[in-house]
Protein backbone atom coordinates (compact mmCIF):
# COMPACT_ATOMS: atom_id res chain seq x y z
CA MET A 1 -0.79 -8.85 5.96
CA THR A 2 1.09 -10.93 3.99
CA ASP A 3 -1.24 -12.62 1.30
CA VAL A 4 -0.76 -8.94 -0.11
CA TYR A 5 2.01 -7.46 1.13
CA ASP A 6 4.86 -9.88 0.78
CA TYR A 7 7.61 -8.69 3.35
CA GLU A 8 9.25 -11.93 4.17
CA GLY A 9 10.51 -12.54 0.52
CA GLY A 10 11.91 -9.44 -0.07
CA ARG A 11 11.62 -5.66 -0.45
CA VAL A 12 8.09 -4.07 -0.69
CA PHE A 13 7.68 -0.67 -2.31
CA PHE A 14 4.49 0.84 -0.61
CA LYS A 15 3.46 4.09 -0.64
CA PRO A 16 0.17 4.39 1.41
CA THR A 17 -2.13 7.30 -0.15
CA LEU A 18 -2.58 8.83 3.26
CA THR A 19 0.87 9.45 4.05
CA THR A 20 2.82 12.50 4.23
CA GLY A 21 6.49 13.40 6.27
CA ASP A 22 9.40 11.45 7.10
CA GLN A 23 6.77 8.07 6.79
CA VAL A 24 5.57 7.79 3.99
CA PHE A 25 6.99 4.82 2.39
CA ARG A 26 6.66 1.69 4.28
CA LYS A 27 9.24 -0.82 4.34
CA THR A 28 8.56 -3.21 7.09
CA LYS A 29 4.87 -4.90 7.99
CA LYS A 30 5.05 -3.04 10.99
CA GLY A 31 5.11 -0.09 9.38
CA ALA A 32 2.20 -1.48 6.99
CA LEU A 33 0.01 -2.66 9.43
CA ALA A 34 0.12 0.55 11.18
CA TYR A 35 -0.83 2.30 8.38
CA PHE A 36 -3.93 -0.16 7.93
CA VAL A 37 -5.06 -0.53 11.74
CA GLY A 38 -3.04 2.35 13.53
CA GLY A 39 -2.72 2.25 17.13
CA ASP A 40 0.94 2.31 16.85
CA ALA A 41 2.94 4.62 18.61
CA GLU A 42 5.56 4.95 16.21
CA TYR A 43 3.50 5.79 13.79
CA PRO A 44 1.42 8.52 15.27
CA ASN A 45 -0.54 9.94 12.49
CA ASP A 46 -1.87 6.60 11.30
CA ASP A 47 -5.40 6.28 12.38
CA GLY A 48 -6.22 3.20 10.37
CA PHE A 49 -6.91 3.59 6.76
CA ALA A 50 -8.44 -0.51 6.91
CA LEU A 51 -11.30 0.44 9.42
CA LYS A 52 -12.57 3.78 8.18
CA PRO A 53 -16.09 3.46 7.23
CA TRP A 54 -15.79 4.09 2.90
CA ALA A 55 -18.52 4.24 0.56
CA GLU A 56 -16.63 3.13 -2.27
CA VAL A 57 -13.26 1.99 -3.58
CA ARG A 58 -12.64 1.11 -7.46
CA TYR A 59 -9.26 -0.43 -8.87
CA ASP A 60 -8.23 -0.10 -12.02
CA ASN A 61 -5.16 -0.53 -13.53
CA ALA A 62 -6.90 -0.99 -17.24
CA GLU A 63 -8.37 2.49 -17.47
CA ARG A 64 -5.52 3.44 -20.25
CA GLY A 65 -4.23 -0.17 -21.63
CA SER A 66 -1.11 -1.89 -21.06
CA GLU A 67 1.08 1.20 -19.92
CA GLU A 68 -0.35 1.61 -16.42
CA VAL A 69 0.67 -2.52 -15.87
CA MET A 70 4.62 -3.12 -15.79
CA VAL A 71 5.93 -6.78 -16.78
CA LEU A 72 9.60 -7.74 -16.23
CA GLY A 73 10.01 -11.09 -16.09
CA ASN A 74 8.35 -13.13 -13.90
CA ILE A 75 7.38 -9.98 -11.99
CA GLY A 76 4.44 -7.62 -12.28
CA ILE A 77 3.95 -4.25 -11.30
CA ALA A 78 1.01 -1.62 -10.85
CA MET A 79 0.32 0.82 -9.75
CA GLY A 80 -3.19 1.86 -9.47
CA TYR A 81 -5.51 4.77 -7.91
CA ALA A 82 -8.13 4.69 -5.38
């Protein structure tokens, strides 16, 4: 997971797609991992997003042009949809 979310390098702003309530944002690697694979008692609503039998997923930040991607110096920020 560290090749996609760099929790060791600093703060990560990760808001999982299917979360609600007090545990919406995952500020730690443990919280993000719980969302993707489930099985963590501290995150009882997580049932393994990555383990579901998805039929199709699409990520597209280019559909509406460059306003969906923000570049600040050497940092790029994008919020796509699936």
